[in-house]
C-alpha atoms as a PDB file:
ATOM      1  CA  MET A   1      19.573  32.073  21.713  1.00  0.00           C
ATOM      2  CA  PRO A   2      16.545  33.234  19.673  1.00  0.00           C
ATOM      3  CA  ILE A   3      14.540  30.494  17.941  1.00  0.00           C
ATOM      4  CA  ASP A   4      15.239  31.903  14.472  1.00  0.00           C
ATOM      5  CA  HIS A   5      18.967  31.258  15.011  1.00  0.00           C
ATOM      6  CA  VAL A   6      18.487  27.538  15.664  1.00  0.00           C
ATOM      7  CA  ALA A   7      19.410  25.316  12.715  1.00  0.00           C
ATOM      8  CA  GLU A   8      16.790  23.089  11.140  1.00  0.00           C
ATOM      9  CA  PRO A   9      17.126  19.495  12.316  1.00  0.00           C
ATOM     10  CA  ALA A  10      18.634  17.118   9.804  1.00  0.00           C
ATOM     11  CA  ASP A  11      16.303  14.606   8.201  1.00  0.00           C
ATOM     12  CA  THR A  12      17.355  11.311   9.783  1.00  0.00           C
ATOM     13  CA  ARG A  13      14.840   9.115   7.989  1.00  0.00           C
ATOM     14  CA  VAL A  14      16.223   6.269   5.928  1.00  0.00           C
ATOM     15  CA  SER A  15      16.043   6.725   2.189  1.00  0.00           C
ATOM     16  CA  ASP A  16      13.630   4.417   0.379  1.00  0.00           C
ATOM     17  CA  GLY A  17      16.150   3.567  -2.308  1.00  0.00           C
ATOM     18  CA  GLY A  18      15.778   6.792  -4.261  1.00  0.00           C
ATOM     19  CA  LEU A  19      12.110   6.529  -5.151  1.00  0.00           C
ATOM     20  CA  GLU A  20      10.088   9.632  -4.553  1.00  0.00           C
ATOM     21  CA  ASP A  21       6.812   9.199  -2.682  1.00  0.00           C
ATOM     22  CA  ARG A  22       4.954   9.959  -5.903  1.00  0.00           C
ATOM     23  CA  ASP A  23       6.827   7.226  -7.782  1.00  0.00           C
ATOM     24  CA  ARG A  24       6.181   4.719  -5.006  1.00  0.00           C
ATOM     25  CA  ASP A  25       2.477   5.628  -4.908  1.00  0.00           C
ATOM     26  CA  LEU A  26       2.257   5.192  -8.674  1.00  0.00           C
ATOM     27  CA  ALA A  27       3.951   1.783  -8.439  1.00  0.00           C
ATOM     28  CA  VAL A  28       1.499   0.707  -5.731  1.00  0.00           C
ATOM     29  CA  ARG A  29      -1.485   1.895  -7.759  1.00  0.00           C
ATOM     30  CA  ARG A  30      -0.194   0.050 -10.836  1.00  0.00           C
ATOM     31  CA  ALA A  31       0.350  -3.108  -8.800  1.00  0.00           C
ATOM     32  CA  VAL A  32      -3.170  -2.891  -7.383  1.00  0.00           C
ATOM     33  CA  GLY A  33      -4.524  -2.280 -10.887  1.00  0.00           C
ATOM     34  CA  ALA A  34      -2.790  -5.426 -12.135  1.00  0.00           C
ATOM     35  CA  LEU A  35      -4.427  -7.659  -9.520  1.00  0.00           C
ATOM     36  CA  PRO A  36      -7.364  -9.908 -10.423  1.00  0.00           C
ATOM     37  CA  ALA A  37     -10.609  -7.897 -10.233  1.00  0.00           C
ATOM     38  CA  LYS A  38     -11.966  -9.563  -7.102  1.00  0.00           C
ATOM     39  CA  TYR A  39      -8.894  -8.546  -5.066  1.00  0.00           C
ATOM     40  CA  ARG A  40      -8.468  -5.176  -6.767  1.00  0.00           C
ATOM     41  CA  GLU A  41     -12.060  -4.107  -6.053  1.00  0.00           C
ATOM     42  CA  ALA A  42     -11.827  -4.964  -2.352  1.00  0.00           C
ATOM     43  CA  LEU A  43      -8.470  -3.209  -1.928  1.00  0.00           C
ATOM     44  CA  ILE A  44      -9.582  -0.071  -3.771  1.00  0.00           C
ATOM     45  CA  LEU A  45     -12.738   0.298  -1.706  1.00  0.00           C
ATOM     46  CA  PHE A  46     -10.966  -0.387   1.578  1.00  0.00           C
ATOM     47  CA  TYR A  47      -7.743   1.593   1.087  1.00  0.00           C
ATOM     48  CA  PHE A  48      -8.391   4.201  -1.588  1.00  0.00           C
ATOM     49  CA  HIS A  49     -12.022   4.975  -0.743  1.00  0.00           C
ATOM     50  CA  ASP A  50     -11.551   4.523   3.017  1.00  0.00           C
ATOM     51  CA  MET A  51     -14.493   2.154   3.375  1.00  0.00           C
ATOM     52  CA  ASP A  52     -14.630  -0.188   6.319  1.00  0.00           C
ATOM     53  CA  VAL A  53     -15.100  -3.908   5.667  1.00  0.00           C
ATOM     54  CA  SER A  54     -18.839  -3.750   6.300  1.00  0.00           C
ATOM     55  CA  THR A  55     -19.407  -0.882   3.852  1.00  0.00           C
ATOM     56  CA  ALA A  56     -17.151  -2.439   1.203  1.00  0.00           C
ATOM     57  CA  ALA A  57     -19.003  -5.746   1.579  1.00  0.00           C
ATOM     58  CA  ARG A  58     -22.369  -4.036   1.063  1.00  0.00           C
ATOM     59  CA  SER A  59     -21.002  -2.139  -1.939  1.00  0.00           C
ATOM     60  CA  LEU A  60     -19.741  -5.369  -3.513  1.00  0.00           C
ATOM     61  CA  GLY A  61     -22.786  -7.388  -2.498  1.00  0.00           C
ATOM     62  CA  LEU A  62     -20.605  -9.890  -0.646  1.00  0.00           C
ATOM     63  CA  PRO A  63     -20.406 -11.266   2.886  1.00  0.00           C
ATOM     64  CA  GLU A  64     -17.921  -9.460   5.159  1.00  0.00           C
ATOM     65  CA  GLY A  65     -15.864 -12.640   5.536  1.00  0.00           C
ATOM     66  CA  THR A  66     -15.389 -12.821   1.775  1.00  0.00           C
ATOM     67  CA  VAL A  67     -14.191  -9.211   1.660  1.00  0.00           C
ATOM     68  CA  LYS A  68     -11.789  -9.866   4.555  1.00  0.00           C
ATOM     69  CA  ALA A  69     -10.408 -12.902   2.735  1.00  0.00           C
ATOM     70  CA  ARG A  70      -9.999 -10.945  -0.507  1.00  0.00           C
ATOM     71  CA  LEU A  71      -8.235  -8.105   1.325  1.00  0.00           C
ATOM     72  CA  SER A  72      -5.879 -10.587   2.949  1.00  0.00           C
ATOM     73  CA  ARG A  73      -5.115 -12.392  -0.290  1.00  0.00           C
ATOM     74  CA  GLY A  74      -4.764  -9.116  -2.205  1.00  0.00           C
ATOM     75  CA  ARG A  75      -2.249  -7.799   0.346  1.00  0.00           C
ATOM     76  CA  GLU A  76      -0.355 -11.089   0.105  1.00  0.00           C
ATOM     77  CA  LEU A  77      -0.160 -10.764  -3.678  1.00  0.00           C
ATOM     78  CA  LEU A  78       1.023  -7.159  -3.397  1.00  0.00           C
ATOM     79  CA  ARG A  79       3.707  -8.107  -0.860  1.00  0.00           C
ATOM     80  CA  SER A  80       5.064 -10.658  -3.301  1.00  0.00           C
ATOM     81  CA  LYS A  81       5.019  -8.314  -6.313  1.00  0.00           C
ATOM     82  CA  LEU A  82       5.832  -4.855  -4.959  1.00  0.00           C
ATOM     83  CA  PRO A  83       9.471  -5.469  -4.035  1.00  0.00           C
ATOM     84  CA  GLN A  84      10.111  -6.379  -7.678  1.00  0.00           C
ATOM     85  CA  LEU A  85       8.236  -3.327  -8.949  1.00  0.00           C
ATOM     86  CA  LEU A  86      10.022  -1.027  -6.532  1.00  0.00           C
ATOM     87  CA  ALA A  87      13.399  -2.669  -7.245  1.00  0.00           C
ATOM     88  CA  VAL A  88      13.874  -3.293  -3.523  1.00  0.00           C
ATOM     89  CA  PRO A  89      15.873  -6.414  -2.768  1.00  0.00           C
ATOM     90  CA  ARG A  90      13.931  -8.936  -0.705  1.00  0.00           C
ATOM     91  CA  LEU A  91      15.537 -10.295   2.390  1.00  0.00           C
ATOM     92  CA  LYS A  92      16.203 -13.993   2.330  1.00  0.00           C
ATOM     93  CA  GLU A  93      14.265 -15.928   4.902  1.00  0.00           C
ATOM     94  CA  ALA A  94      16.384 -17.871   7.382  1.00  0.00           C
END
């Protein structure tokens, strides 16, 4: 059978609850923007500007350990807030 007669495969990925990628990205950016400045700055440099920890630390004038701690705490804050912003039910912990 010629390749142009083969049907396109069905998209088997799980839906993210109806949010488009653009909407989810906007929600993430808003959540990051709402963080305290010290966490927001570290996350923006690391994730949005693709800086490594060392470069972000130099840019912020901070020790690398401080930037690592701020990234960790910022991610923790986002994990606690994003499910609410995305209207995704959180699983109860056993």
